């Protein structure tokens, strides 16, 4: 099982390809997430994890398309991001995207 940790910073996860835009200790791949394509082949990963990274990006649509490209069919993608209602979300001037959760109700 091949796993990718996007925007890892210093939170290096064992068993993952740790990706960040800075060359820090333990980072496996240094790459800007908004430079396409990412340096991975199609259908590479079974799992992707990212925490508090996507809200810092300019083009979420292209990032999600790239995630789809590098993930195998049926891959698990775990995303953690600040909810728009959290005060910290607005205090951080590097946040560019605000996330919410809406449950679609079938009629």
Protein backbone atom coordinates (compact mmCIF):
# COMPACT_ATOMS: atom_id res chain seq x y z
CA UNK A 1 0.00 0.00 0.00
CA UNK A 2 1.52 3.32 -1.08
CA UNK A 3 0.59 6.41 0.96
CA UNK A 4 1.20 10.15 0.47
CA UNK A 5 1.37 12.81 3.18
CA UNK A 6 0.78 16.24 1.60
CA UNK A 7 2.13 19.36 3.29
CA UNK A 8 3.89 17.35 5.97
CA UNK A 9 6.16 20.10 7.32
CA UNK A 10 7.98 18.59 10.29
CA UNK A 11 5.17 16.03 10.93
CA UNK A 12 6.92 13.14 9.20
CA UNK A 13 4.77 10.01 8.97
CA UNK A 14 6.41 6.61 8.73
CA UNK A 15 5.17 4.54 5.80
CA UNK A 16 4.20 7.62 3.80
CA UNK A 17 5.85 9.59 1.03
CA UNK A 18 6.18 12.88 2.92
CA UNK A 19 5.78 15.90 0.61
CA UNK A 20 6.34 19.56 1.41
CA UNK A 21 7.46 22.69 -0.44
CA UNK A 22 10.37 23.08 1.99
CA UNK A 23 13.30 20.69 2.30
CA UNK A 24 13.00 19.79 5.97
CA UNK A 25 14.42 16.81 7.81
CA UNK A 26 12.43 13.74 6.77
CA UNK A 27 10.73 15.28 3.72
CA UNK A 28 10.92 12.78 0.85
CA UNK A 29 9.66 14.98 -1.99
CA UNK A 30 10.06 18.76 -2.21
CA UNK A 31 7.38 20.20 -4.49
CA UNK A 32 5.02 23.18 -4.75
CA UNK A 33 1.49 21.72 -4.78
CA UNK A 34 0.37 24.41 -7.22
CA UNK A 35 2.90 23.37 -9.86
CA UNK A 36 1.34 20.77 -12.13
CA UNK A 37 1.77 17.96 -12.74
CA UNK A 38 3.00 16.67 -9.40
CA UNK A 39 6.08 14.45 -9.63
CA UNK A 40 4.13 11.18 -9.40
CA UNK A 41 2.79 8.76 -12.00
CA UNK A 42 -0.95 8.27 -12.51
CA UNK A 43 -2.64 5.82 -10.12
CA UNK A 44 0.25 5.73 -7.64
CA UNK A 45 -1.33 6.08 -4.19
CA UNK A 46 -3.78 3.99 -2.18
CA UNK A 47 -4.10 6.64 0.53
CA UNK A 48 -3.48 10.38 0.87
CA UNK A 49 -3.43 12.37 4.11
CA UNK A 50 -3.27 16.13 4.46
CA UNK A 51 -3.89 18.35 7.47
CA UNK A 52 -4.23 22.13 7.43
CA UNK A 53 -2.61 22.50 4.02
CA UNK A 54 -5.36 22.93 1.43
CA UNK A 55 -6.64 26.18 2.95
CA UNK A 56 -3.30 27.80 2.02
CA UNK A 57 -3.59 27.07 -1.71
CA UNK A 58 -4.86 29.31 -4.50
CA UNK A 59 -6.35 26.74 -6.85
CA UNK A 60 -8.18 23.99 -4.99
CA UNK A 61 -9.92 22.73 -8.13
CA UNK A 62 -6.64 21.90 -9.87
CA UNK A 63 -5.20 20.39 -6.69
CA UNK A 64 -8.22 18.08 -6.39
CA UNK A 65 -7.88 17.08 -10.06
CA UNK A 66 -4.23 16.26 -9.41
CA UNK A 67 -5.19 14.24 -6.34
CA UNK A 68 -7.58 12.24 -8.48
CA UNK A 69 -4.84 11.64 -11.05
CA UNK A 70 -2.21 10.34 -8.60
CA UNK A 71 -4.66 8.18 -6.62
CA UNK A 72 -5.66 4.66 -7.53
CA UNK A 73 -9.32 3.88 -8.05
CA UNK A 74 -10.85 3.46 -4.58
CA UNK A 75 -8.06 5.32 -2.79
CA UNK A 76 -8.76 6.85 0.61
CA UNK A 77 -8.19 10.60 0.85
CA UNK A 78 -8.17 12.06 4.37
CA UNK A 79 -8.39 15.86 4.51
CA UNK A 80 -8.35 17.96 7.67
CA UNK A 81 -8.97 21.69 7.33
CA UNK A 82 -10.18 24.57 9.47
CA UNK A 83 -13.96 25.08 9.39
CA UNK A 84 -14.97 28.55 8.22
CA UNK A 85 -16.70 29.23 11.57
CA UNK A 86 -13.48 28.84 13.56
CA UNK A 87 -11.96 32.18 14.58
CA UNK A 88 -8.44 30.95 13.79
CA UNK A 89 -9.45 30.55 10.17
CA UNK A 90 -9.74 34.32 9.76
CA UNK A 91 -6.78 35.26 11.96
CA UNK A 92 -4.32 33.50 9.67
CA UNK A 93 -3.65 35.78 6.68
CA UNK A 94 -2.22 32.85 4.70
CA UNK A 95 -5.62 31.11 4.58
CA UNK A 96 -7.04 31.55 1.09
CA UNK A 97 -9.88 29.02 1.07
CA UNK A 98 -12.60 28.53 3.67
CA UNK A 99 -14.19 25.12 4.19
CA UNK A 100 -17.62 24.06 5.40
CA UNK A 101 -19.62 20.86 5.53
CA UNK A 102 -23.08 20.49 4.12
CA UNK A 103 -24.91 17.21 4.14
CA UNK A 104 -26.92 16.62 1.00
CA UNK A 105 -30.34 15.30 1.93
CA UNK A 106 -32.03 13.01 -0.57
CA UNK A 107 -35.65 13.78 -1.38
